[in-house]
Amino acid sequence: MKDNALEVILLQDNLLNDFKSSLGCQSVIEMIKFYLEDVLPRASSKDKSVKSSVSIMNDKLLDLKQTLRRCHHFLPCDRKSKAIKQIKETYSKMKEHGIYKAMGEFDIFIDYIEEYLSNKKK
């Protein structure tokens, strides 16, 4: 899978800012759901050679989602992230290229989650 839409950035700093804000837990869960429901299923159906890697990513995100659900019960938030809404709109507009963009930026997503978790430990 190759991301050729280099002029488009899905995961921008406003997402990281949401992760660091009071929307943090909600935003991380929302992004995990986006990857689990929209991105990863399309990635594995698009390119069979990445199916096992996508399956591992899926399992790891499911584990993290379960862990975060516990914090979400104590810190509920009904507001939705504008950054995530923008990501989903851009992803949809990109049609077939959206999957490559989202998978190409998966490492950024993981970096943002790591930063979110390290901020929670402080």
PDB file of N, CA and C in Angstrom:
ATOM      1  N   MET A   1       0.841  -1.176   0.000  1.00  0.00           N
ATOM      2  CA  MET A   1       0.000   0.000   0.000  1.00  0.00           C
ATOM      3  C   MET A   1       0.885   1.237   0.000  1.00  0.00           C
ATOM      4  N   LYS A   2       0.629   2.125  -0.934  1.00  0.00           N
ATOM      5  CA  LYS A   2       1.452   3.319  -1.031  1.00  0.00           C
ATOM      6  C   LYS A   2       0.572   4.558  -1.046  1.00  0.00           C
ATOM      7  N   ASP A   3       0.975   5.532  -0.245  1.00  0.00           N
ATOM      8  CA  ASP A   3       0.276   6.811  -0.154  1.00  0.00           C
ATOM      9  C   ASP A   3       0.918   7.785  -1.128  1.00  0.00           C
ATOM     10  N   ASN A   4       0.225   8.072  -2.224  1.00  0.00           N
ATOM     11  CA  ASN A   4       0.748   9.007  -3.221  1.00  0.00           C
ATOM     12  C   ASN A   4       0.197  10.415  -3.068  1.00  0.00           C
ATOM     13  N   ALA A   5      -0.767  10.621  -2.194  1.00  0.00           N
ATOM     14  CA  ALA A   5      -1.380  11.945  -2.003  1.00  0.00           C
ATOM     15  C   ALA A   5      -0.604  12.712  -0.937  1.00  0.00           C
ATOM     16  N   LEU A   6       0.621  13.069  -1.262  1.00  0.00           N
ATOM     17  CA  LEU A   6       1.512  13.686  -0.287  1.00  0.00           C
ATOM     18  C   LEU A   6       1.094  15.101   0.098  1.00  0.00           C
ATOM     19  N   GLU A   7       0.277  15.744  -0.737  1.00  0.00           N
ATOM     20  CA  GLU A   7      -0.155  17.108  -0.432  1.00  0.00           C
ATOM     21  C   GLU A   7      -1.295  17.138   0.594  1.00  0.00           C
ATOM     22  N   VAL A   8      -1.890  15.997   0.880  1.00  0.00           N
ATOM     23  CA  VAL A   8      -2.996  15.904   1.833  1.00  0.00           C
ATOM     24  C   VAL A   8      -2.486  15.288   3.131  1.00  0.00           C
ATOM     25  N   ILE A   9      -2.862  15.899   4.250  1.00  0.00           N
ATOM     26  CA  ILE A   9      -2.504  15.363   5.561  1.00  0.00           C
ATOM     27  C   ILE A   9      -3.801  15.106   6.318  1.00  0.00           C
ATOM     28  N   LEU A  10      -4.042  13.869   6.667  1.00  0.00           N
ATOM     29  CA  LEU A  10      -5.247  13.526   7.432  1.00  0.00           C
ATOM     30  C   LEU A  10      -5.094  13.877   8.907  1.00  0.00           C
ATOM     31  N   LEU A  11      -4.034  13.390   9.511  1.00  0.00           N
ATOM     32  CA  LEU A  11      -3.851  13.533  10.952  1.00  0.00           C
ATOM     33  C   LEU A  11      -2.969  14.738  11.252  1.00  0.00           C
ATOM     34  N   GLN A  12      -3.620  15.836  11.573  1.00  0.00           N
ATOM     35  CA  GLN A  12      -2.916  17.086  11.824  1.00  0.00           C
ATOM     36  C   GLN A  12      -2.807  17.344  13.320  1.00  0.00           C
ATOM     37  N   ASP A  13      -2.124  18.432  13.656  1.00  0.00           N
ATOM     38  CA  ASP A  13      -1.896  18.777  15.061  1.00  0.00           C
ATOM     39  C   ASP A  13      -3.186  19.001  15.846  1.00  0.00           C
ATOM     40  N   ASN A  14      -4.263  19.412  15.163  1.00  0.00           N
ATOM     41  CA  ASN A  14      -5.510  19.634  15.899  1.00  0.00           C
ATOM     42  C   ASN A  14      -6.045  18.335  16.506  1.00  0.00           C
ATOM     43  N   LEU A  15      -5.737  17.208  15.896  1.00  0.00           N
ATOM     44  CA  LEU A  15      -6.122  15.923  16.484  1.00  0.00           C
ATOM     45  C   LEU A  15      -5.321  15.675  17.761  1.00  0.00           C
ATOM     46  N   LEU A  16      -4.026  15.919  17.708  1.00  0.00           N
ATOM     47  CA  LEU A  16      -3.189  15.760  18.898  1.00  0.00           C
ATOM     48  C   LEU A  16      -3.665  16.699  20.003  1.00  0.00           C
ATOM     49  N   ASN A  17      -4.038  17.918  19.639  1.00  0.00           N
ATOM     50  CA  ASN A  17      -4.561  18.866  20.632  1.00  0.00           C
ATOM     51  C   ASN A  17      -5.836  18.334  21.278  1.00  0.00           C
ATOM     52  N   ASP A  18      -6.699  17.705  20.486  1.00  0.00           N
ATOM     53  CA  ASP A  18      -7.907  17.082  21.049  1.00  0.00           C
ATOM     54  C   ASP A  18      -7.535  15.950  22.001  1.00  0.00           C
ATOM     55  N   PHE A  19      -6.542  15.163  21.625  1.00  0.00           N
ATOM     56  CA  PHE A  19      -6.099  14.065  22.485  1.00  0.00           C
ATOM     57  C   PHE A  19      -5.605  14.603  23.827  1.00  0.00           C
ATOM     58  N   LYS A  20      -4.991  15.782  23.820  1.00  0.00           N
ATOM     59  CA  LYS A  20      -4.436  16.372  25.037  1.00  0.00           C
ATOM     60  C   LYS A  20      -5.470  17.164  25.837  1.00  0.00           C
ATOM     61  N   SER A  21      -6.633  17.407  25.257  1.00  0.00           N
ATOM     62  CA  SER A  21      -7.653  18.232  25.909  1.00  0.00           C
ATOM     63  C   SER A  21      -8.610  17.374  26.733  1.00  0.00           C
ATOM     64  N   SER A  22      -9.677  18.010  27.196  1.00  0.00           N
ATOM     65  CA  SER A  22     -10.700  17.272  27.943  1.00  0.00           C
ATOM     66  C   SER A  22     -11.430  16.265  27.057  1.00  0.00           C
ATOM     67  N   LEU A  23     -11.275  16.391  25.743  1.00  0.00           N
ATOM     68  CA  LEU A  23     -11.863  15.429  24.803  1.00  0.00           C
ATOM     69  C   LEU A  23     -10.979  14.198  24.606  1.00  0.00           C
ATOM     70  N   GLY A  24      -9.851  14.140  25.291  1.00  0.00           N
ATOM     71  CA  GLY A  24      -8.838  13.118  25.058  1.00  0.00           C
ATOM     72  C   GLY A  24      -9.338  11.704  24.930  1.00  0.00           C
ATOM     73  N   CYS A  25      -9.929  11.185  25.977  1.00  0.00           N
ATOM     74  CA  CYS A  25     -10.375   9.786  25.972  1.00  0.00           C
ATOM     75  C   CYS A  25     -11.402   9.551  24.867  1.00  0.00           C
ATOM     76  N   GLN A  26     -12.376  10.446  24.753  1.00  0.00           N
ATOM     77  CA  GLN A  26     -13.413  10.340  23.724  1.00  0.00           C
ATOM     78  C   GLN A  26     -12.797  10.366  22.328  1.00  0.00           C
ATOM     79  N   SER A  27     -11.847  11.273  22.099  1.00  0.00           N
ATOM     80  CA  SER A  27     -11.231  11.418  20.775  1.00  0.00           C
ATOM     81  C   SER A  27     -10.414  10.193  20.390  1.00  0.00           C
ATOM     82  N   VAL A  28      -9.659   9.671  21.340  1.00  0.00           N
ATOM     83  CA  VAL A  28      -8.858   8.474  21.058  1.00  0.00           C
ATOM     84  C   VAL A  28      -9.780   7.306  20.714  1.00  0.00           C
ATOM     85  N   ILE A  29     -10.841   7.130  21.488  1.00  0.00           N
ATOM     86  CA  ILE A  29     -11.789   6.047  21.217  1.00  0.00           C
ATOM     87  C   ILE A  29     -12.435   6.236  19.850  1.00  0.00           C
ATOM     88  N   GLU A  30     -12.798   7.473  19.532  1.00  0.00           N
ATOM     89  CA  GLU A  30     -13.424   7.764  18.237  1.00  0.00           C
ATOM     90  C   GLU A  30     -12.484   7.437  17.070  1.00  0.00           C
ATOM     91  N   MET A  31     -11.204   7.774  17.222  1.00  0.00           N
ATOM     92  CA  MET A  31     -10.233   7.481  16.162  1.00  0.00           C
ATOM     93  C   MET A  31      -9.968   5.981  16.044  1.00  0.00           C
ATOM     94  N   ILE A  32      -9.912   5.299  17.169  1.00  0.00           N
ATOM     95  CA  ILE A  32      -9.745   3.843  17.129  1.00  0.00           C
ATOM     96  C   ILE A  32     -10.926   3.224  16.387  1.00  0.00           C
ATOM     97  N   LYS A  33     -12.118   3.692  16.697  1.00  0.00           N
ATOM     98  CA  LYS A  33     -13.325   3.196  16.026  1.00  0.00           C
ATOM     99  C   LYS A  33     -13.259   3.466  14.524  1.00  0.00           C
ATOM    100  N   PHE A  34     -12.782   4.644  14.138  1.00  0.00           N
ATOM    101  CA  PHE A  34     -12.622   4.991  12.725  1.00  0.00           C
ATOM    102  C   PHE A  34     -11.691   4.002  12.031  1.00  0.00           C
ATOM    103  N   TYR A  35     -10.545   3.719  12.656  1.00  0.00           N
ATOM    104  CA  TYR A  35      -9.611   2.761  12.053  1.00  0.00           C
ATOM    105  C   TYR A  35     -10.195   1.346  12.041  1.00  0.00           C
ATOM    106  N   LEU A  36     -10.851   0.943  13.116  1.00  0.00           N
ATOM    107  CA  LEU A  36     -11.407  -0.412  13.185  1.00  0.00           C
ATOM    108  C   LEU A  36     -12.564  -0.635  12.221  1.00  0.00           C
ATOM    109  N   GLU A  37     -13.406   0.362  12.059  1.00  0.00           N
ATOM    110  CA  GLU A  37     -14.618   0.179  11.254  1.00  0.00           C
ATOM    111  C   GLU A  37     -14.476   0.621   9.804  1.00  0.00           C
ATOM    112  N   ASP A  38     -13.648   1.624   9.558  1.00  0.00           N
ATOM    113  CA  ASP A  38     -13.548   2.170   8.202  1.00  0.00           C
ATOM    114  C   ASP A  38     -12.248   1.810   7.489  1.00  0.00           C
ATOM    115  N   VAL A  39     -11.136   2.047   8.150  1.00  0.00           N
ATOM    116  CA  VAL A  39      -9.839   1.943   7.475  1.00  0.00           C
ATOM    117  C   VAL A  39      -9.351   0.501   7.350  1.00  0.00           C
ATOM    118  N   LEU A  40      -9.210  -0.194   8.463  1.00  0.00           N
ATOM    119  CA  LEU A  40      -8.600  -1.532   8.427  1.00  0.00           C
ATOM    120  C   LEU A  40      -9.396  -2.547   7.602  1.00  0.00           C
ATOM    121  N   PRO A  41     -10.728  -2.576   7.695  1.00  0.00           N
ATOM    122  CA  PRO A  41     -11.458  -3.527   6.833  1.00  0.00           C
ATOM    123  C   PRO A  41     -11.232  -3.260   5.342  1.00  0.00           C
ATOM    124  N   ARG A  42     -11.195  -1.995   4.956  1.00  0.00           N
ATOM    125  CA  ARG A  42     -10.952  -1.667   3.549  1.00  0.00           C
ATOM    126  C   ARG A  42      -9.526  -2.004   3.149  1.00  0.00           C
ATOM    127  N   ALA A  43      -8.578  -1.802   4.072  1.00  0.00           N
ATOM    128  CA  ALA A  43      -7.177  -2.095   3.755  1.00  0.00           C
ATOM    129  C   ALA A  43      -6.978  -3.582   3.497  1.00  0.00           C
ATOM    130  N   SER A  44      -7.575  -4.422   4.336  1.00  0.00           N
ATOM    131  CA  SER A  44      -7.375  -5.868   4.154  1.00  0.00           C
ATOM    132  C   SER A  44      -8.119  -6.395   2.933  1.00  0.00           C
ATOM    133  N   SER A  45      -9.231  -5.775   2.576  1.00  0.00           N
ATOM    134  CA  SER A  45      -9.942  -6.239   1.380  1.00  0.00           C
ATOM    135  C   SER A  45      -9.302  -5.703   0.104  1.00  0.00           C
ATOM    136  N   LYS A  46      -8.598  -4.597   0.215  1.00  0.00           N
ATOM    137  CA  LYS A  46      -7.957  -3.965  -0.941  1.00  0.00           C
ATOM    138  C   LYS A  46      -6.684  -4.706  -1.352  1.00  0.00           C
ATOM    139  N   ASP A  47      -5.914  -5.141  -0.367  1.00  0.00           N
ATOM    140  CA  ASP A  47      -4.613  -5.756  -0.636  1.00  0.00           C
ATOM    141  C   ASP A  47      -4.449  -6.978   0.265  1.00  0.00           C
ATOM    142  N   LYS A  48      -4.631  -8.146  -0.290  1.00  0.00           N
ATOM    143  CA  LYS A  48      -4.587  -9.398   0.478  1.00  0.00           C
ATOM    144  C   LYS A  48      -3.215  -9.659   1.104  1.00  0.00           C
ATOM    145  N   SER A  49      -2.157  -9.077   0.541  1.00  0.00           N
ATOM    146  CA  SER A  49      -0.810  -9.317   1.068  1.00  0.00           C
ATOM    147  C   SER A  49      -0.599  -8.662   2.433  1.00  0.00           C
ATOM    148  N   VAL A  50      -1.439  -7.720   2.813  1.00  0.00           N
ATOM    149  CA  VAL A  50      -1.285  -7.044   4.102  1.00  0.00           C
ATOM    150  C   VAL A  50      -2.291  -7.550   5.139  1.00  0.00           C
ATOM    151  N   LYS A  51      -3.039  -8.565   4.774  1.00  0.00           N
ATOM    152  CA  LYS A  51      -4.125  -9.051   5.634  1.00  0.00           C
ATOM    153  C   LYS A  51      -3.647  -9.446   7.036  1.00  0.00           C
ATOM    154  N   SER A  52      -2.533 -10.163   7.151  1.00  0.00           N
ATOM    155  CA  SER A  52      -2.070 -10.589   8.478  1.00  0.00           C
ATOM    156  C   SER A  52      -1.582  -9.398   9.301  1.00  0.00           C
ATOM    157  N   SER A  53      -0.909  -8.447   8.670  1.00  0.00           N
ATOM    158  CA  SER A  53      -0.462  -7.242   9.383  1.00  0.00           C
ATOM    159  C   SER A  53      -1.653  -6.417   9.853  1.00  0.00           C
ATOM    160  N   VAL A  54      -2.640  -6.289   9.000  1.00  0.00           N
ATOM    161  CA  VAL A  54      -3.847  -5.535   9.349  1.00  0.00           C
ATOM    162  C   VAL A  54      -4.580  -6.230  10.496  1.00  0.00           C
ATOM    163  N   SER A  55      -4.588  -7.546  10.488  1.00  0.00           N
ATOM    164  CA  SER A  55      -5.237  -8.309  11.556  1.00  0.00           C
ATOM    165  C   SER A  55      -4.560  -8.051  12.902  1.00  0.00           C
ATOM    166  N   ILE A  56      -3.240  -7.998  12.908  1.00  0.00           N
ATOM    167  CA  ILE A  56      -2.489  -7.708  14.137  1.00  0.00           C
ATOM    168  C   ILE A  56      -2.805  -6.293  14.621  1.00  0.00           C
ATOM    169  N   MET A  57      -2.814  -5.331  13.696  1.00  0.00           N
ATOM    170  CA  MET A  57      -3.140  -3.950  14.046  1.00  0.00           C
ATOM    171  C   MET A  57      -4.551  -3.884  14.626  1.00  0.00           C
ATOM    172  N   ASN A  58      -5.466  -4.595  14.020  1.00  0.00           N
ATOM    173  CA  ASN A  58      -6.855  -4.637  14.475  1.00  0.00           C
ATOM    174  C   ASN A  58      -6.943  -5.157  15.912  1.00  0.00           C
ATOM    175  N   ASP A  59      -6.251  -6.258  16.186  1.00  0.00           N
ATOM    176  CA  ASP A  59      -6.273  -6.850  17.527  1.00  0.00           C
ATOM    177  C   ASP A  59      -5.708  -5.893  18.571  1.00  0.00           C
ATOM    178  N   LYS A  60      -4.615  -5.225  18.243  1.00  0.00           N
ATOM    179  CA  LYS A  60      -3.992  -4.277  19.179  1.00  0.00           C
ATOM    180  C   LYS A  60      -4.924  -3.102  19.464  1.00  0.00           C
ATOM    181  N   LEU A  61      -5.573  -2.595  18.422  1.00  0.00           N
ATOM    182  CA  LEU A  61      -6.505  -1.483  18.618  1.00  0.00           C
ATOM    183  C   LEU A  61      -7.723  -1.912  19.438  1.00  0.00           C
ATOM    184  N   LEU A  62      -8.196  -3.134  19.228  1.00  0.00           N
ATOM    185  CA  LEU A  62      -9.317  -3.638  20.033  1.00  0.00           C
ATOM    186  C   LEU A  62      -8.944  -3.715  21.512  1.00  0.00           C
ATOM    187  N   ASP A  63      -7.725  -4.188  21.801  1.00  0.00           N
ATOM    188  CA  ASP A  63      -7.247  -4.245  23.188  1.00  0.00           C
ATOM    189  C   ASP A  63      -7.197  -2.848  23.802  1.00  0.00           C
ATOM    190  N   LEU A  64      -6.647  -1.914  23.061  1.00  0.00           N
ATOM    191  CA  LEU A  64      -6.538  -0.541  23.553  1.00  0.00           C
ATOM    192  C   LEU A  64      -7.921   0.076  23.749  1.00  0.00           C
ATOM    193  N   LYS A  65      -8.815  -0.201  22.837  1.00  0.00           N
ATOM    194  CA  LYS A  65     -10.185   0.327  22.939  1.00  0.00           C
ATOM    195  C   LYS A  65     -10.849  -0.166  24.226  1.00  0.00           C
ATOM    196  N   GLN A  66     -10.670  -1.445  24.547  1.00  0.00           N
ATOM    197  CA  GLN A  66     -11.240  -1.996  25.779  1.00  0.00           C
ATOM    198  C   GLN A  66     -10.667  -1.296  27.005  1.00  0.00           C
ATOM    199  N   THR A  67      -9.370  -1.064  27.010  1.00  0.00           N
ATOM    200  CA  THR A  67      -8.723  -0.376  28.125  1.00  0.00           C
ATOM    201  C   THR A  67      -9.270   1.042  28.273  1.00  0.00           C
ATOM    202  N   LEU A  68      -9.390   1.741  27.163  1.00  0.00           N
ATOM    203  CA  LEU A  68      -9.868   3.119  27.205  1.00  0.00           C
ATOM    204  C   LEU A  68     -11.349   3.206  27.562  1.00  0.00           C
ATOM    205  N   ARG A  69     -12.110   2.195  27.240  1.00  0.00           N
ATOM    206  CA  ARG A  69     -13.537   2.193  27.603  1.00  0.00           C
ATOM    207  C   ARG A  69     -13.688   2.338  29.118  1.00  0.00           C
ATOM    208  N   ARG A  70     -12.766   1.734  29.863  1.00  0.00           N
ATOM    209  CA  ARG A  70     -12.820   1.833  31.320  1.00  0.00           C
ATOM    210  C   ARG A  70     -12.654   3.274  31.769  1.00  0.00           C
ATOM    211  N   CYS A  71     -11.715   3.997  31.173  1.00  0.00           N
ATOM    212  CA  CYS A  71     -11.520   5.400  31.560  1.00  0.00           C
ATOM    213  C   CYS A  71     -12.703   6.233  31.100  1.00  0.00           C
ATOM    214  N   HIS A  72     -13.297   5.872  29.977  1.00  0.00           N
ATOM    215  CA  HIS A  72     -14.426   6.634  29.439  1.00  0.00           C
ATOM    216  C   HIS A  72     -15.640   6.551  30.372  1.00  0.00           C
ATOM    217  N   HIS A  73     -15.772   5.452  31.109  1.00  0.00           N
ATOM    218  CA  HIS A  73     -16.878   5.333  32.063  1.00  0.00           C
ATOM    219  C   HIS A  73     -16.732   6.347  33.196  1.00  0.00           C
ATOM    220  N   PHE A  74     -15.485   6.669  33.555  1.00  0.00           N
ATOM    221  CA  PHE A  74     -15.243   7.624  34.632  1.00  0.00           C
ATOM    222  C   PHE A  74     -15.158   9.057  34.130  1.00  0.00           C
ATOM    223  N   LEU A  75     -14.811   9.230  32.871  1.00  0.00           N
ATOM    224  CA  LEU A  75     -14.666  10.559  32.277  1.00  0.00           C
ATOM    225  C   LEU A  75     -15.530  10.669  31.026  1.00  0.00           C
ATOM    226  N   PRO A  76     -16.844  10.583  31.175  1.00  0.00           N
ATOM    227  CA  PRO A  76     -17.704  10.619  29.987  1.00  0.00           C
ATOM    228  C   PRO A  76     -17.663  11.974  29.288  1.00  0.00           C
ATOM    229  N   CYS A  77     -17.841  11.936  27.996  1.00  0.00           N
ATOM    230  CA  CYS A  77     -17.829  13.158  27.197  1.00  0.00           C
ATOM    231  C   CYS A  77     -18.787  12.960  26.029  1.00  0.00           C
ATOM    232  N   ASP A  78     -19.718  13.867  25.885  1.00  0.00           N
ATOM    233  CA  ASP A  78     -20.692  13.759  24.804  1.00  0.00           C
ATOM    234  C   ASP A  78     -20.318  14.599  23.595  1.00  0.00           C
ATOM    235  N   ARG A  79     -19.320  15.457  23.747  1.00  0.00           N
ATOM    236  CA  ARG A  79     -18.924  16.317  22.632  1.00  0.00           C
ATOM    237  C   ARG A  79     -18.121  15.522  21.623  1.00  0.00           C
ATOM    238  N   LYS A  80     -18.274  15.883  20.369  1.00  0.00           N
ATOM    239  CA  LYS A  80     -17.525  15.236  19.291  1.00  0.00           C
ATOM    240  C   LYS A  80     -16.376  16.141  18.866  1.00  0.00           C
ATOM    241  N   SER A  81     -15.329  15.541  18.432  1.00  0.00           N
ATOM    242  CA  SER A  81     -14.136  16.248  17.987  1.00  0.00           C
ATOM    243  C   SER A  81     -14.322  16.802  16.576  1.00  0.00           C
ATOM    244  N   LYS A  82     -14.061  18.095  16.423  1.00  0.00           N
ATOM    245  CA  LYS A  82     -14.112  18.709  15.089  1.00  0.00           C
ATOM    246  C   LYS A  82     -12.981  18.171  14.218  1.00  0.00           C
ATOM    247  N   ALA A  83     -11.841  17.893  14.838  1.00  0.00           N
ATOM    248  CA  ALA A  83     -10.692  17.370  14.096  1.00  0.00           C
ATOM    249  C   ALA A  83     -11.031  16.018  13.470  1.00  0.00           C
ATOM    250  N   ILE A  84     -11.706  15.169  14.214  1.00  0.00           N
ATOM    251  CA  ILE A  84     -12.050  13.843  13.703  1.00  0.00           C
ATOM    252  C   ILE A  84     -13.105  13.951  12.609  1.00  0.00           C
ATOM    253  N   LYS A  85     -14.038  14.863  12.777  1.00  0.00           N
ATOM    254  CA  LYS A  85     -15.039  15.094  11.726  1.00  0.00           C
ATOM    255  C   LYS A  85     -14.343  15.495  10.430  1.00  0.00           C
ATOM    256  N   GLN A  86     -13.350  16.370  10.537  1.00  0.00           N
ATOM    257  CA  GLN A  86     -12.585  16.820   9.366  1.00  0.00           C
ATOM    258  C   GLN A  86     -11.800  15.659   8.750  1.00  0.00           C
ATOM    259  N   ILE A  87     -11.208  14.824   9.576  1.00  0.00           N
ATOM    260  CA  ILE A  87     -10.459  13.658   9.089  1.00  0.00           C
ATOM    261  C   ILE A  87     -11.378  12.740   8.289  1.00  0.00           C
ATOM    262  N   LYS A  88     -12.542  12.451   8.844  1.00  0.00           N
ATOM    263  CA  LYS A  88     -13.489  11.556   8.171  1.00  0.00           C
ATOM    264  C   LYS A  88     -13.990  12.148   6.857  1.00  0.00           C
ATOM    265  N   GLU A  89     -14.218  13.461   6.832  1.00  0.00           N
ATOM    266  CA  GLU A  89     -14.663  14.112   5.593  1.00  0.00           C
ATOM    267  C   GLU A  89     -13.582  14.036   4.520  1.00  0.00           C
ATOM    268  N   THR A  90     -12.343  14.335   4.906  1.00  0.00           N
ATOM    269  CA  THR A  90     -11.228  14.276   3.956  1.00  0.00           C
ATOM    270  C   THR A  90     -11.027  12.851   3.463  1.00  0.00           C
ATOM    271  N   TYR A  91     -11.074  11.892   4.369  1.00  0.00           N
ATOM    272  CA  TYR A  91     -10.943  10.471   4.030  1.00  0.00           C
ATOM    273  C   TYR A  91     -11.992  10.075   2.991  1.00  0.00           C
ATOM    274  N   SER A  92     -13.235  10.476   3.210  1.00  0.00           N
ATOM    275  CA  SER A  92     -14.319  10.149   2.271  1.00  0.00           C
ATOM    276  C   SER A  92     -14.124  10.816   0.918  1.00  0.00           C
ATOM    277  N   LYS A  93     -13.707  12.066   0.923  1.00  0.00           N
ATOM    278  CA  LYS A  93     -13.499  12.803  -0.327  1.00  0.00           C
ATOM    279  C   LYS A  93     -12.390  12.181  -1.168  1.00  0.00           C
ATOM    280  N   MET A  94     -11.424  11.568  -0.503  1.00  0.00           N
ATOM    281  CA  MET A  94     -10.292  10.979  -1.216  1.00  0.00           C
ATOM    282  C   MET A  94     -10.653   9.660  -1.895  1.00  0.00           C
ATOM    283  N   LYS A  95     -11.832   9.136  -1.605  1.00  0.00           N
ATOM    284  CA  LYS A  95     -12.316   7.872  -2.168  1.00  0.00           C
ATOM    285  C   LYS A  95     -11.288   6.756  -1.996  1.00  0.00           C
ATOM    286  N   GLU A  96     -10.833   6.147  -3.066  1.00  0.00           N
ATOM    287  CA  GLU A  96      -9.897   5.017  -2.989  1.00  0.00           C
ATOM    288  C   GLU A  96      -8.547   5.416  -2.392  1.00  0.00           C
ATOM    289  N   HIS A  97      -8.136   6.647  -2.585  1.00  0.00           N
ATOM    290  CA  HIS A  97      -6.845   7.097  -2.063  1.00  0.00           C
ATOM    291  C   HIS A  97      -6.881   7.293  -0.549  1.00  0.00           C
ATOM    292  N   GLY A  98      -8.083   7.444   0.010  1.00  0.00           N
ATOM    293  CA  GLY A  98      -8.219   7.640   1.450  1.00  0.00           C
ATOM    294  C   GLY A  98      -7.642   6.499   2.254  1.00  0.00           C
ATOM    295  N   ILE A  99      -7.825   5.285   1.775  1.00  0.00           N
ATOM    296  CA  ILE A  99      -7.317   4.119   2.490  1.00  0.00           C
ATOM    297  C   ILE A  99      -5.791   4.139   2.559  1.00  0.00           C
ATOM    298  N   TYR A 100      -5.160   4.528   1.455  1.00  0.00           N
ATOM    299  CA  TYR A 100      -3.696   4.602   1.432  1.00  0.00           C
ATOM    300  C   TYR A 100      -3.199   5.712   2.348  1.00  0.00           C
ATOM    301  N   LYS A 101      -3.914   6.827   2.354  1.00  0.00           N
ATOM    302  CA  LYS A 101      -3.535   7.949   3.211  1.00  0.00           C
ATOM    303  C   LYS A 101      -3.665   7.556   4.681  1.00  0.00           C
ATOM    304  N   ALA A 102      -4.798   6.967   5.053  1.00  0.00           N
ATOM    305  CA  ALA A 102      -5.025   6.592   6.450  1.00  0.00           C
ATOM    306  C   ALA A 102      -4.024   5.537   6.923  1.00  0.00           C
ATOM    307  N   MET A 103      -3.730   4.564   6.073  1.00  0.00           N
ATOM    308  CA  MET A 103      -2.747   3.545   6.450  1.00  0.00           C
ATOM    309  C   MET A 103      -1.340   4.137   6.486  1.00  0.00           C
ATOM    310  N   GLY A 104      -1.064   5.054   5.563  1.00  0.00           N
ATOM    311  CA  GLY A 104       0.248   5.701   5.534  1.00  0.00           C
ATOM    312  C   GLY A 104       0.506   6.562   6.756  1.00  0.00           C
ATOM    313  N   GLU A 105      -0.559   7.052   7.379  1.00  0.00           N
ATOM    314  CA  GLU A 105      -0.420   7.905   8.557  1.00  0.00           C
ATOM    315  C   GLU A 105      -0.709   7.151   9.855  1.00  0.00           C
ATOM    316  N   PHE A 106      -0.815   5.836   9.783  1.00  0.00           N
ATOM    317  CA  PHE A 106      -1.102   5.043  10.979  1.00  0.00           C
ATOM    318  C   PHE A 106      -0.029   5.247  12.046  1.00  0.00           C
ATOM    319  N   ASP A 107       1.219   5.395  11.632  1.00  0.00           N
ATOM    320  CA  ASP A 107       2.294   5.617  12.602  1.00  0.00           C
ATOM    321  C   ASP A 107       2.102   6.932  13.353  1.00  0.00           C
ATOM    322  N   ILE A 108       1.581   7.949  12.679  1.00  0.00           N
ATOM    323  CA  ILE A 108       1.296   9.227  13.337  1.00  0.00           C
ATOM    324  C   ILE A 108       0.199   9.019  14.381  1.00  0.00           C
ATOM    325  N   PHE A 109      -0.818   8.259  14.017  1.00  0.00           N
ATOM    326  CA  PHE A 109      -1.903   7.948  14.945  1.00  0.00           C
ATOM    327  C   PHE A 109      -1.355   7.266  16.200  1.00  0.00           C
ATOM    328  N   ILE A 110      -0.486   6.301  16.021  1.00  0.00           N
ATOM    329  CA  ILE A 110       0.113   5.599  17.162  1.00  0.00           C
ATOM    330  C   ILE A 110       0.956   6.564  17.996  1.00  0.00           C
ATOM    331  N   ASP A 111       1.723   7.442  17.349  1.00  0.00           N
ATOM    332  CA  ASP A 111       2.502   8.450  18.079  1.00  0.00           C
ATOM    333  C   ASP A 111       1.589   9.335  18.924  1.00  0.00           C
ATOM    334  N   TYR A 112       0.462   9.743  18.365  1.00  0.00           N
ATOM    335  CA  TYR A 112      -0.498  10.581  19.091  1.00  0.00           C
ATOM    336  C   TYR A 112      -1.081   9.828  20.289  1.00  0.00           C
ATOM    337  N   ILE A 113      -1.372   8.551  20.109  1.00  0.00           N
ATOM    338  CA  ILE A 113      -1.887   7.749  21.223  1.00  0.00           C
ATOM    339  C   ILE A 113      -0.829   7.644  22.315  1.00  0.00           C
ATOM    340  N   GLU A 114       0.425   7.416  21.928  1.00  0.00           N
ATOM    341  CA  GLU A 114       1.511   7.332  22.911  1.00  0.00           C
ATOM    342  C   GLU A 114       1.628   8.632  23.693  1.00  0.00           C
ATOM    343  N   GLU A 115       1.520   9.754  22.995  1.00  0.00           N
ATOM    344  CA  GLU A 115       1.600  11.048  23.675  1.00  0.00           C
ATOM    345  C   GLU A 115       0.408  11.237  24.613  1.00  0.00           C
ATOM    346  N   TYR A 116      -0.768  10.835  24.176  1.00  0.00           N
ATOM    347  CA  TYR A 116      -1.964  10.908  25.025  1.00  0.00           C
ATOM    348  C   TYR A 116      -1.749  10.089  26.301  1.00  0.00           C
ATOM    349  N   LEU A 117      -1.286   8.861  26.145  1.00  0.00           N
ATOM    350  CA  LEU A 117      -1.085   7.984  27.298  1.00  0.00           C
ATOM    351  C   LEU A 117       0.013   8.495  28.220  1.00  0.00           C
ATOM    352  N   SER A 118       1.090   9.039  27.651  1.00  0.00           N
ATOM    353  CA  SER A 118       2.165   9.557  28.501  1.00  0.00           C
ATOM    354  C   SER A 118       1.701  10.791  29.269  1.00  0.00           C
ATOM    355  N   ASN A 119       0.822  11.598  28.690  1.00  0.00           N
ATOM    356  CA  ASN A 119       0.270  12.754  29.407  1.00  0.00           C
ATOM    357  C   ASN A 119      -0.627  12.313  30.553  1.00  0.00           C
ATOM    358  N   LYS A 120      -1.315  11.207  30.395  1.00  0.00           N
ATOM    359  CA  LYS A 120      -2.207  10.704  31.441  1.00  0.00           C
ATOM    360  C   LYS A 120      -1.422  10.141  32.618  1.00  0.00           C
ATOM    361  N   LYS A 121      -0.200   9.691  32.370  1.00  0.00           N
ATOM    362  CA  LYS A 121       0.625   9.127  33.441  1.00  0.00           C
ATOM    363  C   LYS A 121       1.209  10.206  34.341  1.00  0.00           C
ATOM    364  N   LYS A 122       1.257  11.436  33.844  1.00  0.00           N
ATOM    365  CA  LYS A 122       1.869  12.536  34.613  1.00  0.00           C
ATOM    366  C   LYS A 122       1.010  12.964  35.775  1.00  0.00           C
TER     367      LYS A 122
END
